[in-house]
PDB file of N, CA and C in Angstrom:
ATOM      1  N   MET A   1      10.033   0.214 -14.023  1.00  0.00           N
ATOM      2  CA  MET A   1      10.817  -0.923 -12.660  1.00  0.00           C
ATOM      3  C   MET A   1       9.768  -1.634 -11.610  1.00  0.00           C
ATOM      4  N   ASN A   2      10.493  -2.416 -11.721  1.00  0.00           N
ATOM      5  CA  ASN A   2      10.010  -4.009 -11.546  1.00  0.00           C
ATOM      6  C   ASN A   2      10.460  -4.531  -9.613  1.00  0.00           C
ATOM      7  N   ILE A   3       9.148  -4.297  -9.224  1.00  0.00           N
ATOM      8  CA  ILE A   3       9.362  -3.834  -7.514  1.00  0.00           C
ATOM      9  C   ILE A   3       9.654  -5.765  -7.172  1.00  0.00           C
ATOM     10  N   LYS A   4      10.591  -5.816  -5.808  1.00  0.00           N
ATOM     11  CA  LYS A   4      10.644  -7.348  -5.678  1.00  0.00           C
ATOM     12  C   LYS A   4      10.526  -7.452  -4.027  1.00  0.00           C
ATOM     13  N   LEU A   5       9.894  -8.126  -3.988  1.00  0.00           N
ATOM     14  CA  LEU A   5       9.025  -7.966  -2.700  1.00  0.00           C
ATOM     15  C   LEU A   5       9.657  -9.678  -2.066  1.00  0.00           C
ATOM     16  N   ASP A   6       9.896  -9.694  -0.900  1.00  0.00           N
ATOM     17  CA  ASP A   6       9.464 -11.502  -0.227  1.00  0.00           C
ATOM     18  C   ASP A   6       8.428 -12.183  -0.774  1.00  0.00           C
ATOM     19  N   ALA A   7       8.638 -12.838  -0.591  1.00  0.00           N
ATOM     20  CA  ALA A   7       7.220 -14.062  -1.143  1.00  0.00           C
ATOM     21  C   ALA A   7       6.207 -14.021   0.152  1.00  0.00           C
ATOM     22  N   ASP A   8       6.575 -14.039   1.312  1.00  0.00           N
ATOM     23  CA  ASP A   8       6.025 -13.959   2.605  1.00  0.00           C
ATOM     24  C   ASP A   8       5.367 -12.560   2.918  1.00  0.00           C
ATOM     25  N   ILE A   9       6.149 -11.986   2.501  1.00  0.00           N
ATOM     26  CA  ILE A   9       5.442 -10.700   2.278  1.00  0.00           C
ATOM     27  C   ILE A   9       3.612 -10.372   1.432  1.00  0.00           C
ATOM     28  N   LEU A  10       4.241 -11.026  -0.136  1.00  0.00           N
ATOM     29  CA  LEU A  10       3.411 -11.152  -0.794  1.00  0.00           C
ATOM     30  C   LEU A  10       2.271 -12.416  -0.578  1.00  0.00           C
ATOM     31  N   ASN A  11       2.574 -13.321   0.338  1.00  0.00           N
ATOM     32  CA  ASN A  11       1.400 -14.183   0.811  1.00  0.00           C
ATOM     33  C   ASN A  11       0.042 -13.499   1.881  1.00  0.00           C
ATOM     34  N   GLN A  12       0.952 -12.714   2.082  1.00  0.00           N
ATOM     35  CA  GLN A  12       0.100 -11.816   3.782  1.00  0.00           C
ATOM     36  C   GLN A  12      -0.912 -11.170   2.937  1.00  0.00           C
ATOM     37  N   ALA A  13      -0.536 -10.585   1.210  1.00  0.00           N
ATOM     38  CA  ALA A  13      -1.002  -9.357   0.820  1.00  0.00           C
ATOM     39  C   ALA A  13      -2.082 -10.122  -0.372  1.00  0.00           C
ATOM     40  N   LYS A  14      -2.524 -11.295  -0.173  1.00  0.00           N
ATOM     41  CA  LYS A  14      -2.946 -11.890  -1.310  1.00  0.00           C
ATOM     42  C   LYS A  14      -4.431 -11.638  -1.673  1.00  0.00           C
ATOM     43  N   GLN A  15      -4.820 -11.149  -0.433  1.00  0.00           N
ATOM     44  CA  GLN A  15      -6.338 -10.481  -0.632  1.00  0.00           C
ATOM     45  C   GLN A  15      -6.391  -9.304  -2.114  1.00  0.00           C
ATOM     46  N   CYS A  16      -5.407  -8.992  -2.587  1.00  0.00           N
ATOM     47  CA  CYS A  16      -4.935  -8.117  -3.050  1.00  0.00           C
ATOM     48  C   CYS A  16      -6.234  -7.875  -4.588  1.00  0.00           C
ATOM     49  N   SER A  17      -7.014  -6.310  -4.327  1.00  0.00           N
ATOM     50  CA  SER A  17      -8.288  -6.835  -5.051  1.00  0.00           C
ATOM     51  C   SER A  17      -7.456  -6.308  -6.820  1.00  0.00           C
ATOM     52  N   ARG A  18      -5.852  -5.486  -7.018  1.00  0.00           N
ATOM     53  CA  ARG A  18      -5.609  -4.937  -8.404  1.00  0.00           C
ATOM     54  C   ARG A  18      -4.473  -6.078  -8.763  1.00  0.00           C
ATOM     55  N   ASN A  19      -4.553  -7.357  -8.306  1.00  0.00           N
ATOM     56  CA  ASN A  19      -3.676  -8.079  -8.622  1.00  0.00           C
ATOM     57  C   ASN A  19      -1.913  -7.666  -8.952  1.00  0.00           C
ATOM     58  N   PHE A  20      -1.793  -7.413  -7.711  1.00  0.00           N
ATOM     59  CA  PHE A  20       0.082  -6.952  -7.216  1.00  0.00           C
ATOM     60  C   PHE A  20       0.450  -6.060  -8.803  1.00  0.00           C
ATOM     61  N   SER A  21      -0.328  -5.199  -9.027  1.00  0.00           N
ATOM     62  CA  SER A  21      -0.160  -4.583 -10.283  1.00  0.00           C
ATOM     63  C   SER A  21       0.826  -3.367  -9.969  1.00  0.00           C
ATOM     64  N   CYS A  22       0.815  -2.816  -8.512  1.00  0.00           N
ATOM     65  CA  CYS A  22       1.932  -2.019  -7.687  1.00  0.00           C
ATOM     66  C   CYS A  22       3.193  -2.236  -8.236  1.00  0.00           C
ATOM     67  N   LEU A  23       3.559  -4.362  -8.080  1.00  0.00           N
ATOM     68  CA  LEU A  23       5.098  -4.648  -8.174  1.00  0.00           C
ATOM     69  C   LEU A  23       5.595  -4.423  -9.505  1.00  0.00           C
ATOM     70  N   ALA A  24       4.606  -4.404 -10.724  1.00  0.00           N
ATOM     71  CA  ALA A  24       4.606  -3.656 -12.131  1.00  0.00           C
ATOM     72  C   ALA A  24       5.103  -2.072 -12.788  1.00  0.00           C
ATOM     73  N   GLY A  25       5.180  -1.408 -10.997  1.00  0.00           N
ATOM     74  CA  GLY A  25       5.671  -0.262 -11.028  1.00  0.00           C
ATOM     75  C   GLY A  25       4.560   0.930 -11.808  1.00  0.00           C
ATOM     76  N   ASP A  26       3.686   0.103 -11.410  1.00  0.00           N
ATOM     77  CA  ASP A  26       1.821   0.890 -11.711  1.00  0.00           C
ATOM     78  C   ASP A  26       1.849   2.281 -10.638  1.00  0.00           C
ATOM     79  N   LYS A  27       2.663   3.097 -10.602  1.00  0.00           N
ATOM     80  CA  LYS A  27       2.540   3.922  -9.399  1.00  0.00           C
ATOM     81  C   LYS A  27       0.823   4.606  -9.574  1.00  0.00           C
ATOM     82  N   ASN A  28       0.055   4.754 -10.453  1.00  0.00           N
ATOM     83  CA  ASN A  28      -1.476   5.192 -10.493  1.00  0.00           C
ATOM     84  C   ASN A  28      -1.932   4.187  -9.631  1.00  0.00           C
ATOM     85  N   CYS A  29      -2.057   3.150  -8.919  1.00  0.00           N
ATOM     86  CA  CYS A  29      -2.126   1.749  -8.124  1.00  0.00           C
ATOM     87  C   CYS A  29      -1.889   2.256  -6.708  1.00  0.00           C
ATOM     88  N   LEU A  30      -0.795   2.916  -6.798  1.00  0.00           N
ATOM     89  CA  LEU A  30      -0.282   3.108  -4.986  1.00  0.00           C
ATOM     90  C   LEU A  30      -0.952   4.483  -4.613  1.00  0.00           C
ATOM     91  N   CYS A  31      -1.399   4.570  -3.133  1.00  0.00           N
ATOM     92  CA  CYS A  31      -2.068   5.543  -2.514  1.00  0.00           C
ATOM     93  C   CYS A  31      -0.575   6.665  -2.698  1.00  0.00           C
ATOM     94  N   GLU A  32      -1.305   8.054  -2.401  1.00  0.00           N
ATOM     95  CA  GLU A  32       0.077   9.069  -2.052  1.00  0.00           C
ATOM     96  C   GLU A  32       0.068   8.724  -0.417  1.00  0.00           C
ATOM     97  N   VAL A  33       1.837   8.337   0.135  1.00  0.00           N
ATOM     98  CA  VAL A  33       1.757   8.422   1.299  1.00  0.00           C
ATOM     99  C   VAL A  33       2.081   9.659   2.514  1.00  0.00           C
ATOM    100  N   GLU A  34       1.299   9.777   3.363  1.00  0.00           N
ATOM    101  CA  GLU A  34       1.463  10.605   3.738  1.00  0.00           C
ATOM    102  C   GLU A  34       2.403  10.552   5.334  1.00  0.00           C
ATOM    103  N   ARG A  35       2.589   9.362   6.039  1.00  0.00           N
ATOM    104  CA  ARG A  35       3.825   9.318   6.948  1.00  0.00           C
ATOM    105  C   ARG A  35       3.796   7.680   7.384  1.00  0.00           C
ATOM    106  N   LEU A  36       4.581   7.241   7.861  1.00  0.00           N
ATOM    107  CA  LEU A  36       5.126   5.988   8.254  1.00  0.00           C
ATOM    108  C   LEU A  36       5.215   6.305   9.584  1.00  0.00           C
ATOM    109  N   ILE A  37       4.551   5.454  10.685  1.00  0.00           N
ATOM    110  CA  ILE A  37       4.695   5.420  11.600  1.00  0.00           C
ATOM    111  C   ILE A  37       4.944   4.060  12.607  1.00  0.00           C
ATOM    112  N   ASP A  38       6.371   3.743  13.258  1.00  0.00           N
ATOM    113  CA  ASP A  38       6.407   2.716  13.551  1.00  0.00           C
ATOM    114  C   ASP A  38       6.628   1.701  12.654  1.00  0.00           C
ATOM    115  N   GLN A  39       7.392   2.332  11.655  1.00  0.00           N
ATOM    116  CA  GLN A  39       7.566   0.597  10.379  1.00  0.00           C
ATOM    117  C   GLN A  39       6.809   0.137  10.295  1.00  0.00           C
ATOM    118  N   ASN A  40       5.496   0.144  10.747  1.00  0.00           N
ATOM    119  CA  ASN A  40       4.309   0.198  10.130  1.00  0.00           C
ATOM    120  C   ASN A  40       2.787   0.425   9.724  1.00  0.00           C
ATOM    121  N   LEU A  41       2.531   1.481  10.160  1.00  0.00           N
ATOM    122  CA  LEU A  41       1.328   2.184   9.986  1.00  0.00           C
ATOM    123  C   LEU A  41       1.714   3.126   9.064  1.00  0.00           C
ATOM    124  N   LEU A  42       1.236   2.618   7.584  1.00  0.00           N
ATOM    125  CA  LEU A  42       1.392   3.716   6.530  1.00  0.00           C
ATOM    126  C   LEU A  42      -0.118   4.552   6.350  1.00  0.00           C
ATOM    127  N   PHE A  43      -0.112   5.876   6.801  1.00  0.00           N
ATOM    128  CA  PHE A  43      -1.277   6.907   6.667  1.00  0.00           C
ATOM    129  C   PHE A  43      -1.103   6.986   5.324  1.00  0.00           C
ATOM    130  N   ILE A  44      -2.521   7.044   4.800  1.00  0.00           N
ATOM    131  CA  ILE A  44      -2.436   7.645   3.188  1.00  0.00           C
ATOM    132  C   ILE A  44      -2.989   8.589   2.760  1.00  0.00           C
ATOM    133  N   LYS A  45      -3.042   9.238   1.392  1.00  0.00           N
ATOM    134  CA  LYS A  45      -3.826   9.864   1.294  1.00  0.00           C
ATOM    135  C   LYS A  45      -4.880   9.554  -0.070  1.00  0.00           C
ATOM    136  N   PRO A  46      -5.578   8.725  -0.348  1.00  0.00           N
ATOM    137  CA  PRO A  46      -6.002   7.760  -1.075  1.00  0.00           C
ATOM    138  C   PRO A  46      -6.691   8.674  -2.643  1.00  0.00           C
ATOM    139  N   ALA A  47      -6.806   8.321  -3.275  1.00  0.00           N
ATOM    140  CA  ALA A  47      -7.579   9.058  -4.773  1.00  0.00           C
ATOM    141  C   ALA A  47      -9.184   8.253  -4.561  1.00  0.00           C
ATOM    142  N   ALA A  48     -10.117   9.685  -4.647  1.00  0.00           N
ATOM    143  CA  ALA A  48     -11.325   9.525  -3.863  1.00  0.00           C
ATOM    144  C   ALA A  48     -12.175   8.263  -4.985  1.00  0.00           C
ATOM    145  N   HIS A  49     -11.612   7.762  -6.087  1.00  0.00           N
ATOM    146  CA  HIS A  49     -11.931   6.586  -6.903  1.00  0.00           C
ATOM    147  C   HIS A  49     -10.891   5.112  -6.458  1.00  0.00           C
ATOM    148  N   MET A  50     -10.399   5.452  -5.713  1.00  0.00           N
ATOM    149  CA  MET A  50      -9.739   3.855  -4.988  1.00  0.00           C
ATOM    150  C   MET A  50     -10.398   2.962  -4.646  1.00  0.00           C
ATOM    151  N   ILE A  51     -10.309   1.859  -4.790  1.00  0.00           N
ATOM    152  CA  ILE A  51     -11.368   1.233  -4.252  1.00  0.00           C
ATOM    153  C   ILE A  51      -9.890  -0.295  -4.097  1.00  0.00           C
ATOM    154  N   CYS A  52      -9.789  -0.280  -2.731  1.00  0.00           N
ATOM    155  CA  CYS A  52      -9.121  -1.669  -1.886  1.00  0.00           C
ATOM    156  C   CYS A  52      -9.071  -2.240  -0.784  1.00  0.00           C
ATOM    157  N   ASN A  53      -8.960  -3.270  -0.891  1.00  0.00           N
ATOM    158  CA  ASN A  53      -9.280  -3.909   0.192  1.00  0.00           C
ATOM    159  C   ASN A  53      -8.354  -3.807   1.593  1.00  0.00           C
ATOM    160  N   PHE A  54      -7.438  -2.860   1.462  1.00  0.00           N
ATOM    161  CA  PHE A  54      -6.367  -2.817   2.588  1.00  0.00           C
ATOM    162  C   PHE A  54      -6.461  -0.880   2.957  1.00  0.00           C
ATOM    163  N   LYS A  55      -7.511  -0.361   2.586  1.00  0.00           N
ATOM    164  CA  LYS A  55      -7.876   0.999   2.645  1.00  0.00           C
ATOM    165  C   LYS A  55      -8.619   1.062   3.734  1.00  0.00           C
ATOM    166  N   MET A  56      -8.356   1.465   4.908  1.00  0.00           N
ATOM    167  CA  MET A  56      -8.930   1.541   6.011  1.00  0.00           C
ATOM    168  C   MET A  56      -9.273   3.108   6.748  1.00  0.00           C
ATOM    169  N   SER A  57     -10.306   3.432   7.359  1.00  0.00           N
ATOM    170  CA  SER A  57     -10.786   4.286   7.816  1.00  0.00           C
ATOM    171  C   SER A  57      -9.988   4.969   9.177  1.00  0.00           C
ATOM    172  N   PHE A  58      -9.503   5.860   9.186  1.00  0.00           N
ATOM    173  CA  PHE A  58      -9.301   6.169  10.583  1.00  0.00           C
ATOM    174  C   PHE A  58      -9.578   7.592  11.004  1.00  0.00           C
ATOM    175  N   GLY A  59     -10.648   7.405  11.945  1.00  0.00           N
ATOM    176  CA  GLY A  59     -11.496   8.649  11.766  1.00  0.00           C
ATOM    177  C   GLY A  59     -12.883   8.803  10.852  1.00  0.00           C
ATOM    178  N   TYR A  60     -12.624  10.245  10.552  1.00  0.00           N
ATOM    179  CA  TYR A  60     -13.810  10.580   9.498  1.00  0.00           C
ATOM    180  C   TYR A  60     -12.624  11.502   8.207  1.00  0.00           C
ATOM    181  N   SER A  61     -11.368  11.656   8.775  1.00  0.00           N
ATOM    182  CA  SER A  61     -11.014  12.059   7.574  1.00  0.00           C
ATOM    183  C   SER A  61      -9.737  11.671   7.241  1.00  0.00           C
ATOM    184  N   ALA A  62      -8.914  10.766   7.581  1.00  0.00           N
ATOM    185  CA  ALA A  62      -8.214   9.946   7.715  1.00  0.00           C
ATOM    186  C   ALA A  62      -7.997   8.768   6.947  1.00  0.00           C
ATOM    187  N   TYR A  63      -7.035   7.807   6.382  1.00  0.00           N
ATOM    188  CA  TYR A  63      -6.739   6.649   5.725  1.00  0.00           C
ATOM    189  C   TYR A  63      -5.457   6.103   6.169  1.00  0.00           C
ATOM    190  N   TYR A  64      -5.319   4.937   6.319  1.00  0.00           N
ATOM    191  CA  TYR A  64      -4.030   4.450   6.489  1.00  0.00           C
ATOM    192  C   TYR A  64      -4.497   2.640   5.756  1.00  0.00           C
ATOM    193  N   CYS A  65      -3.238   2.145   5.018  1.00  0.00           N
ATOM    194  CA  CYS A  65      -3.049   1.084   4.731  1.00  0.00           C
ATOM    195  C   CYS A  65      -2.498   0.099   5.263  1.00  0.00           C
ATOM    196  N   ASN A  66      -3.628  -0.874   4.878  1.00  0.00           N
ATOM    197  CA  ASN A  66      -3.208  -2.298   6.108  1.00  0.00           C
ATOM    198  C   ASN A  66      -2.299  -3.451   4.918  1.00  0.00           C
ATOM    199  N   CYS A  67      -1.885  -2.634   4.214  1.00  0.00           N
ATOM    200  CA  CYS A  67      -1.316  -3.751   3.025  1.00  0.00           C
ATOM    201  C   CYS A  67       0.559  -4.327   3.313  1.00  0.00           C
ATOM    202  N   PRO A  68       0.609  -5.268   3.537  1.00  0.00           N
ATOM    203  CA  PRO A  68       2.092  -5.226   4.222  1.00  0.00           C
ATOM    204  C   PRO A  68       3.440  -5.289   2.896  1.00  0.00           C
ATOM    205  N   ALA A  69       2.383  -5.417   1.497  1.00  0.00           N
ATOM    206  CA  ALA A  69       3.214  -5.602   0.007  1.00  0.00           C
ATOM    207  C   ALA A  69       3.512  -3.408   0.438  1.00  0.00           C
ATOM    208  N   ARG A  70       2.461  -2.953   0.155  1.00  0.00           N
ATOM    209  CA  ARG A  70       2.615  -1.640   0.144  1.00  0.00           C
ATOM    210  C   ARG A  70       3.524  -0.736   1.325  1.00  0.00           C
ATOM    211  N   VAL A  71       3.155  -0.841   2.529  1.00  0.00           N
ATOM    212  CA  VAL A  71       4.108  -0.524   3.451  1.00  0.00           C
ATOM    213  C   VAL A  71       5.833  -1.333   3.393  1.00  0.00           C
ATOM    214  N   GLU A  72       5.872  -2.457   2.618  1.00  0.00           N
ATOM    215  CA  GLU A  72       7.807  -2.797   2.144  1.00  0.00           C
ATOM    216  C   GLU A  72       7.710  -1.757   0.511  1.00  0.00           C
ATOM    217  N   ILE A  73       7.206  -1.925  -0.246  1.00  0.00           N
ATOM    218  CA  ILE A  73       7.292  -0.619  -0.967  1.00  0.00           C
ATOM    219  C   ILE A  73       7.704   0.671  -0.521  1.00  0.00           C
ATOM    220  N   TYR A  74       6.824   1.330   0.224  1.00  0.00           N
ATOM    221  CA  TYR A  74       7.229   2.434   0.617  1.00  0.00           C
ATOM    222  C   TYR A  74       9.007   2.646   1.557  1.00  0.00           C
ATOM    223  N   LYS A  75       8.456   1.326   2.856  1.00  0.00           N
ATOM    224  CA  LYS A  75       9.920   1.727   3.359  1.00  0.00           C
ATOM    225  C   LYS A  75      11.704   1.327   2.367  1.00  0.00           C
ATOM    226  N   HIS A  76      11.614   0.405   1.456  1.00  0.00           N
ATOM    227  CA  HIS A  76      12.509  -0.050   0.362  1.00  0.00           C
ATOM    228  C   HIS A  76      12.425   1.152  -0.732  1.00  0.00           C
ATOM    229  N   TYR A  77      11.361   1.240  -1.116  1.00  0.00           N
ATOM    230  CA  TYR A  77      11.637   2.035  -2.519  1.00  0.00           C
ATOM    231  C   TYR A  77      11.043   3.128  -2.520  1.00  0.00           C
ATOM    232  N   ASN A  78      11.097   3.523  -1.473  1.00  0.00           N
ATOM    233  CA  ASN A  78      10.558   5.084  -1.075  1.00  0.00           C
ATOM    234  C   ASN A  78       9.564   6.102  -2.006  1.00  0.00           C
ATOM    235  N   ILE A  79       8.394   5.297  -2.605  1.00  0.00           N
ATOM    236  CA  ILE A  79       7.332   5.408  -3.200  1.00  0.00           C
ATOM    237  C   ILE A  79       6.199   4.850  -2.610  1.00  0.00           C
TER     238      ILE A  79
END
């Protein structure tokens, strides 16, 4: 499945270290979502090996995703 996002969202995420592989439907690059809060705060369960410029620590054991593309993918495609 190819994922389509607005150019302004992609521009906000231009520092993607995975070259937007999520847009080609590569679900291996997408962290599992725990919950979305206020339509823009995406808590995730990242894989242990996952290196990502947008993965942010929230305390000692929680993480959130700061990637605008990932938030939009979850909101519009529920993945």
